[in-house]
């Protein structure tokens, strides 16, 4: 049975993590994944872990305090953590660039050939704002942007809204842009910007609280790394970024032994999600379709032709993002159409 179809019990309403990984300089890695990156924390299969992240979008390395004073934002404890990170965490020496990430976390028992289930139990904001930017050469229409501009979105926590300016409110739907395991050792270090089969910068807006991501394990311990929190994002992430924000992520890690997956897959209370990636958007779409058909065939018990027919008539294909070098399309497979099947889900 696939990990996506494994019956599970409900989690308790109150979330008390077994471990907390703080957003401190010694727990951060700037922009890359790799089998040689030493874990900052070790946990057990089944543990609940709170992983604190930062998102220094708009914050300079040379004068990080300036961003806060310029935008009339308090230099509170979280801001001071960001400042310390920007001053003390060094970029990857070979020139690889990417996101400011927390990790990696070593999950005891995870071995190559396994699948790691990452249950997203909670996402909270340690800072009441997020940042979106546009810049020449970036985003989905790079030639049309003439000037760089940064926009600060301020949060109303009670109403769960982000305000750009009077009359413009965006519903807050937080998720992690980057959730990854280590690539295999023979791939060396990989930038966090392009997503890959081991996860990374998937930018799938549906991976919110109460959903699950499944990733293939390539190295002992898996080495889970996360960051690039998003307060909200439209499919496509067309400016190049979302509402970039700090998030404290609480997850539960579950190792599925000997159930190797080849690509990221996900599950929500209402859908299964298949993922297609490629530098060419048309090929990413084909890959997402292939993955969706394979899932419907192999895990739900239909023929390939039946699976393709189901995909054509009921599955929505959405563009995750068009800005991360490797582009993403995800397939939303509704559970409701399979009327003879019962899908247990933890959330």
Protein backbone atom coordinates (compact mmCIF):
# COMPACT_ATOMS: atom_id res chain seq x y z
CA UNK A 1 0.00 0.00 0.00
CA UNK A 2 1.26 3.49 -0.86
CA UNK A 3 2.17 5.81 2.02
CA UNK A 4 -0.56 8.12 0.72
CA UNK A 5 -3.15 5.40 1.38
CA UNK A 6 -1.86 4.15 4.72
CA UNK A 7 -4.65 4.39 7.36
CA UNK A 8 -3.68 6.70 10.20
CA UNK A 9 -5.22 7.99 13.39
CA UNK A 10 -6.19 11.58 14.14
CA UNK A 11 -3.64 13.74 15.92
CA UNK A 12 -4.48 15.50 19.14
CA UNK A 13 -5.89 19.01 18.85
CA UNK A 14 -3.20 20.52 21.10
CA UNK A 15 0.22 20.46 19.45
CA UNK A 16 3.18 20.09 21.78
CA UNK A 17 6.42 19.55 19.86
CA UNK A 18 8.97 17.01 21.00
CA UNK A 19 11.73 19.31 19.73
CA UNK A 20 12.18 22.96 18.74
CA UNK A 21 14.81 23.96 16.16
CA UNK A 22 15.46 27.67 16.73
CA UNK A 23 16.15 30.19 13.97
CA UNK A 24 19.67 30.89 15.17
CA UNK A 25 22.76 31.37 12.96
CA UNK A 26 24.18 27.97 13.90
CA UNK A 27 20.99 26.26 12.67
CA UNK A 28 20.90 27.96 9.27
CA UNK A 29 22.21 27.10 5.83
CA UNK A 30 22.23 29.71 3.09
CA UNK A 31 20.85 28.48 -0.17
CA UNK A 32 21.74 24.82 -0.67
CA UNK A 33 21.15 21.17 0.14
CA UNK A 34 23.76 18.42 0.27
CA UNK A 35 24.55 15.04 1.77
CA UNK A 36 27.69 16.57 3.30
CA UNK A 37 25.78 19.26 5.23
CA UNK A 38 25.93 18.26 8.91
CA UNK A 39 22.56 17.99 10.66
CA UNK A 40 21.78 20.63 13.26
CA UNK A 41 19.30 18.38 15.06
CA UNK A 42 18.46 14.69 15.30
CA UNK A 43 14.92 13.39 15.91
CA UNK A 44 13.13 10.06 15.96
CA UNK A 45 10.64 8.61 13.52
CA UNK A 46 7.23 9.84 14.68
CA UNK A 47 8.51 12.93 16.51
CA UNK A 48 6.72 16.27 16.31
CA UNK A 49 9.19 19.07 15.57
CA UNK A 50 8.78 22.84 15.51
CA UNK A 51 11.21 24.37 13.02
CA UNK A 52 11.58 28.13 13.20
CA UNK A 53 12.45 29.89 9.96
CA UNK A 54 13.27 33.38 8.77
CA UNK A 55 12.71 35.00 5.40
CA UNK A 56 15.06 37.97 4.98
CA UNK A 57 13.55 39.14 1.70
CA UNK A 58 14.43 42.81 1.32
CA UNK A 59 17.04 42.67 4.10
CA UNK A 60 20.62 43.43 3.05
CA UNK A 61 23.60 41.53 4.36
CA UNK A 62 25.69 44.66 4.82
CA UNK A 63 23.11 46.74 6.74
CA UNK A 64 20.24 44.48 7.80
CA UNK A 65 18.85 46.95 10.36
CA UNK A 66 18.10 49.49 7.62
CA UNK A 67 15.16 47.45 6.26
CA UNK A 68 13.33 47.66 9.59
CA UNK A 69 13.91 51.37 10.21
CA UNK A 70 13.08 52.29 6.60
CA UNK A 71 9.75 50.45 6.77
CA UNK A 72 8.86 51.51 10.33
CA UNK A 73 9.09 47.95 11.62
CA UNK A 74 10.20 47.15 15.18
CA UNK A 75 13.63 45.71 15.87
CA UNK A 76 12.04 43.08 18.10
CA UNK A 77 13.47 39.69 19.07
CA UNK A 78 12.63 38.13 15.71
CA UNK A 79 14.16 41.06 13.82
CA UNK A 80 17.30 40.77 15.93
CA UNK A 81 17.51 37.08 15.04
CA UNK A 82 17.30 38.01 11.35
CA UNK A 83 20.03 40.63 11.79
CA UNK A 84 22.27 38.11 13.55
CA UNK A 85 21.69 35.56 10.79
CA UNK A 86 22.47 38.02 8.01
CA UNK A 87 25.67 39.08 9.74
CA UNK A 88 26.91 35.62 10.68
CA UNK A 89 25.67 33.00 8.21
CA UNK A 90 28.06 32.69 5.28
CA UNK A 91 27.01 31.99 1.68
CA UNK A 92 28.07 28.70 0.11
CA UNK A 93 31.76 29.17 -0.83
CA UNK A 94 31.52 27.83 -4.38
CA UNK A 95 28.94 30.46 -5.31
CA UNK A 96 25.69 28.49 -5.00
CA UNK A 97 22.90 30.88 -4.03
CA UNK A 98 19.39 30.40 -2.73
CA UNK A 99 17.15 30.79 0.30
CA UNK A 100 17.97 31.22 3.98
CA UNK A 101 17.02 27.81 5.38
CA UNK A 102 16.76 26.06 8.73
CA UNK A 103 18.30 22.61 9.01
CA UNK A 104 19.05 20.00 8.12
CA UNK A 105 17.19 17.76 10.58
CA UNK A 106 18.24 14.11 10.73
CA UNK A 107 15.32 11.67 11.11
CA UNK A 108 16.45 8.46 12.78
CA UNK A 109 15.52 5.38 10.76
CA UNK A 110 15.13 7.12 7.39
CA UNK A 111 17.29 5.35 4.80
CA UNK A 112 17.68 5.47 1.01
CA UNK A 113 14.74 3.67 -0.58
CA UNK A 114 12.28 4.91 2.04
CA UNK A 115 9.66 7.65 1.75
CA UNK A 116 9.41 10.37 4.38
CA UNK A 117 5.93 11.59 5.25
CA UNK A 118 5.92 15.19 6.45
CA UNK A 119 2.65 16.08 8.16
CA UNK A 120 2.16 19.83 8.35
CA UNK A 121 0.56 20.32 11.75
CA UNK A 122 0.83 24.08 12.09
CA UNK A 123 2.28 27.25 10.58
CA UNK A 124 2.48 30.45 12.61
CA UNK A 125 3.91 33.91 11.99
CA UNK A 126 6.66 35.15 14.34
CA UNK A 127 6.53 38.58 12.65
CA UNK A 128 3.40 40.54 11.60
CA UNK A 129 4.44 41.32 8.03
CA UNK A 130 5.71 39.91 4.78
CA UNK A 131 7.48 41.25 1.71
CA UNK A 132 6.87 41.02 -2.03
CA UNK A 133 9.19 42.46 -4.65
CA UNK A 134 9.39 43.12 -8.37
CA UNK A 135 12.65 43.75 -10.24
CA UNK A 136 13.94 44.08 -13.82
CA UNK A 137 14.81 40.69 -15.24
CA UNK A 138 12.77 38.80 -12.65
CA UNK A 139 9.40 37.10 -12.56
CA UNK A 140 7.19 35.89 -15.36
CA UNK A 141 7.48 39.02 -17.53
CA UNK A 142 11.10 40.04 -16.87
CA UNK A 143 11.41 42.41 -19.83
CA UNK A 144 8.39 44.49 -18.78
CA UNK A 145 9.64 45.43 -15.31
CA UNK A 146 11.63 48.67 -15.47
CA UNK A 147 12.34 49.43 -11.80
CA UNK A 148 12.89 47.49 -8.60
CA UNK A 149 10.27 47.94 -5.88
CA UNK A 150 9.61 46.22 -2.56
CA UNK A 151 6.15 46.03 -1.00
CA UNK A 152 5.56 45.39 2.70
CA UNK A 153 2.31 43.57 3.49
CA UNK A 154 1.14 44.06 7.09
CA UNK A 155 -0.86 41.33 8.80
CA UNK A 156 -4.14 41.46 10.67
CA UNK A 157 -3.83 38.22 12.65
CA UNK A 158 -7.42 38.22 13.88
CA UNK A 159 -8.90 38.64 10.40
CA UNK A 160 -6.14 36.59 8.73
CA UNK A 161 -5.54 39.27 6.12
CA UNK A 162 -2.47 40.93 4.63
CA UNK A 163 -2.83 44.58 3.61
CA UNK A 164 -0.75 46.10 0.83
CA UNK A 165 -2.49 49.48 0.94
CA UNK A 166 -5.96 50.74 1.73
CA UNK A 167 -8.46 48.79 -0.37
CA UNK A 168 -6.16 45.82 -1.09
CA UNK A 169 -6.37 42.84 1.29
CA UNK A 170 -4.97 39.38 0.59
CA UNK A 171 -6.22 36.37 2.62
CA UNK A 172 -3.35 34.81 4.57
CA UNK A 173 -2.80 31.18 3.61
CA UNK A 174 0.67 30.34 4.93
CA UNK A 175 2.84 27.53 3.58
CA UNK A 176 6.51 26.73 3.17
CA UNK A 177 7.92 27.42 -0.28
CA UNK A 178 10.89 25.14 0.42
CA UNK A 179 10.69 21.71 2.05
CA UNK A 180 13.42 19.31 1.00
CA UNK A 181 15.43 16.24 1.79
CA UNK A 182 19.06 15.94 0.78
CA UNK A 183 19.90 14.97 -2.78
CA UNK A 184 22.00 11.80 -3.21
CA UNK A 185 25.67 12.23 -2.33
CA UNK A 186 26.76 11.90 -5.96
CA UNK A 187 24.78 15.04 -6.87
CA UNK A 188 26.91 17.19 -4.57
CA UNK A 189 25.47 20.40 -3.25
CA UNK A 190 22.36 21.73 -4.97
CA UNK A 191 20.94 25.26 -4.95
CA UNK A 192 17.61 25.68 -3.20
CA UNK A 193 16.19 27.75 -6.06
CA UNK A 194 15.16 25.03 -8.57
CA UNK A 195 12.86 22.30 -7.19
CA UNK A 196 13.81 18.69 -7.76
CA UNK A 197 12.72 15.11 -7.09
CA UNK A 198 13.91 15.46 -3.48
CA UNK A 199 11.60 18.46 -2.98
CA UNK A 200 12.95 21.93 -2.43
CA UNK A 201 11.39 25.06 -3.85
CA UNK A 202 8.11 23.44 -4.88
CA UNK A 203 6.03 26.57 -4.15
CA UNK A 204 2.77 24.58 -4.06
CA UNK A 205 0.27 26.87 -2.35
CA UNK A 206 -1.92 23.97 -1.18
CA UNK A 207 0.68 22.66 1.31
CA UNK A 208 -0.94 24.49 4.21
CA UNK A 209 -1.82 23.38 7.73
CA UNK A 210 -3.45 19.95 7.73
CA UNK A 211 -1.75 18.59 4.60
CA UNK A 212 1.06 16.13 3.95
CA UNK A 213 4.13 16.09 1.70
CA UNK A 214 5.84 12.82 0.74
CA UNK A 215 9.50 12.90 -0.35
CA UNK A 216 11.94 10.16 -1.39
CA UNK A 217 14.84 9.53 0.99
CA UNK A 218 18.27 9.55 -0.69
CA UNK A 219 20.68 9.64 2.26
CA UNK A 220 20.71 8.25 5.81
CA UNK A 221 18.52 10.40 8.04
CA UNK A 222 16.87 12.11 5.08
CA UNK A 223 18.22 15.53 6.14
CA UNK A 224 15.09 17.71 6.09
CA UNK A 225 15.60 21.41 5.43
CA UNK A 226 12.96 24.13 5.15
CA UNK A 227 12.49 27.86 4.64
CA UNK A 228 11.07 30.38 2.17
CA UNK A 229 7.87 30.88 4.14
CA UNK A 230 4.96 32.36 2.20
CA UNK A 231 2.05 34.27 3.73
CA UNK A 232 0.09 33.95 0.51
CA UNK A 233 0.82 33.16 -3.13
CA UNK A 234 -1.07 32.94 -6.37
CA UNK A 235 -0.44 29.96 -8.63
CA UNK A 236 2.54 30.91 -10.79
CA UNK A 237 4.29 33.16 -8.23
CA UNK A 238 4.55 35.52 -11.17
CA UNK A 239 6.51 38.45 -9.70
CA UNK A 240 9.27 36.01 -8.76
CA UNK A 241 8.30 35.81 -5.09
CA UNK A 242 5.19 35.46 -2.93
CA UNK A 243 4.45 37.32 0.31
CA UNK A 244 7.82 36.31 1.71
CA UNK A 245 7.54 35.81 5.45
CA UNK A 246 8.98 34.13 8.51
CA UNK A 247 7.09 31.01 9.61
CA UNK A 248 7.38 28.65 12.54
CA UNK A 249 6.58 25.26 11.03
CA UNK A 250 5.40 22.31 13.13
CA UNK A 251 5.63 18.92 11.44
CA UNK A 252 5.44 15.25 12.27
CA UNK A 253 7.94 12.98 10.54
CA UNK A 254 6.89 9.44 9.63
CA UNK A 255 9.23 7.04 7.83
CA UNK A 256 7.67 4.55 5.39
CA UNK A 257 10.23 1.77 5.05
CA UNK A 258 10.98 0.39 1.60
CA UNK A 259 8.28 2.45 -0.08
CA UNK A 260 10.43 4.49 -2.39
CA UNK A 261 8.81 7.31 -4.34
CA UNK A 262 10.41 8.85 -7.41
CA UNK A 263 8.88 12.32 -7.20
CA UNK A 264 7.26 14.51 -4.56
CA UNK A 265 3.62 13.74 -3.87
CA UNK A 266 1.20 15.38 -1.47
CA UNK A 267 -2.19 14.90 0.09
CA UNK A 268 -4.85 17.21 1.48
CA UNK A 269 -8.16 16.28 3.12
CA UNK A 270 -9.83 16.55 -0.30
CA UNK A 271 -7.14 15.83 -2.92
CA UNK A 272 -4.08 13.84 -3.86
CA UNK A 273 -1.39 16.00 -5.50
CA UNK A 274 1.04 14.80 -8.17
CA UNK A 275 3.98 16.98 -9.21
CA UNK A 276 5.67 17.61 -12.55
CA UNK A 277 8.95 19.50 -12.90
CA UNK A 278 11.04 20.62 -15.87
CA UNK A 279 12.81 23.68 -17.23
CA UNK A 280 10.22 23.65 -20.03
CA UNK A 281 6.66 24.35 -18.84
CA UNK A 282 5.13 22.06 -21.47
CA UNK A 283 7.32 19.19 -20.28
CA UNK A 284 6.49 19.99 -16.64
CA UNK A 285 2.82 19.67 -17.58
CA UNK A 286 3.44 16.31 -19.27
CA UNK A 287 5.39 15.10 -16.25
CA UNK A 288 2.56 16.11 -13.91
CA UNK A 289 0.07 14.26 -16.11
CA UNK A 290 2.29 11.19 -16.19
CA UNK A 291 2.64 11.26 -12.40
CA UNK A 292 -1.11 11.71 -11.94
CA UNK A 293 -1.93 8.81 -14.25
CA UNK A 294 0.65 6.59 -12.55
CA UNK A 295 -0.84 7.37 -9.15
CA UNK A 296 -4.42 6.67 -10.26
CA UNK A 297 -3.29 3.43 -11.92
CA UNK A 298 -0.88 2.09 -9.33
CA UNK A 299 -2.45 3.28 -6.09
CA UNK A 300 -6.15 3.39 -6.92
CA UNK A 301 -6.37 0.30 -9.12
CA UNK A 302 -7.34 1.54 -12.59
CA UNK A 303 -5.88 0.83 -16.01
CA UNK A 304 -3.63 3.45 -17.58
CA UNK A 305 -6.30 4.36 -20.15
CA UNK A 306 -8.90 4.70 -17.40
CA UNK A 307 -6.48 6.86 -15.43
CA UNK A 308 -5.89 9.17 -18.39
CA UNK A 309 -9.64 9.46 -18.95
CA UNK A 310 -10.16 10.32 -15.28
CA UNK A 311 -7.36 12.90 -15.46
CA UNK A 312 -8.93 14.48 -18.52
CA UNK A 313 -12.39 14.74 -17.01
CA UNK A 314 -11.79 15.48 -13.32
CA UNK A 315 -8.19 16.43 -12.49
CA UNK A 316 -7.15 20.09 -12.42
CA UNK A 317 -3.59 20.91 -13.46
CA UNK A 318 -2.24 24.11 -11.94
CA UNK A 319 1.00 25.98 -12.54
CA UNK A 320 2.84 26.00 -9.22
CA UNK A 321 5.43 28.55 -10.31
CA UNK A 322 7.13 29.82 -13.48
CA UNK A 323 10.10 31.57 -11.85
CA UNK A 324 12.37 28.98 -10.19
CA UNK A 325 14.53 27.92 -13.18
CA UNK A 326 12.90 24.49 -13.03
CA UNK A 327 9.19 25.12 -13.50
CA UNK A 328 6.39 23.32 -11.71
CA UNK A 329 2.91 22.00 -12.46
CA UNK A 330 0.83 20.11 -9.92
CA UNK A 331 -2.19 17.87 -10.50
CA UNK A 332 -5.13 18.11 -8.09
CA UNK A 333 -6.79 14.67 -7.99
CA UNK A 334 -10.14 14.94 -6.14
CA UNK A 335 -10.88 12.14 -3.69
CA UNK A 336 -14.62 12.69 -3.99
CA UNK A 337 -14.87 11.15 -7.47
CA UNK A 338 -13.82 7.70 -6.22
CA UNK A 339 -17.16 6.82 -4.70
CA UNK A 340 -16.35 3.20 -3.82
CA UNK A 341 -13.17 4.07 -1.92
CA UNK A 342 -12.69 5.35 1.61
CA UNK A 343 -9.61 7.45 2.25
CA UNK A 344 -8.48 7.81 5.85
CA UNK A 345 -6.58 11.00 6.54
CA UNK A 346 -5.08 12.32 9.75
CA UNK A 347 -6.30 15.93 9.56
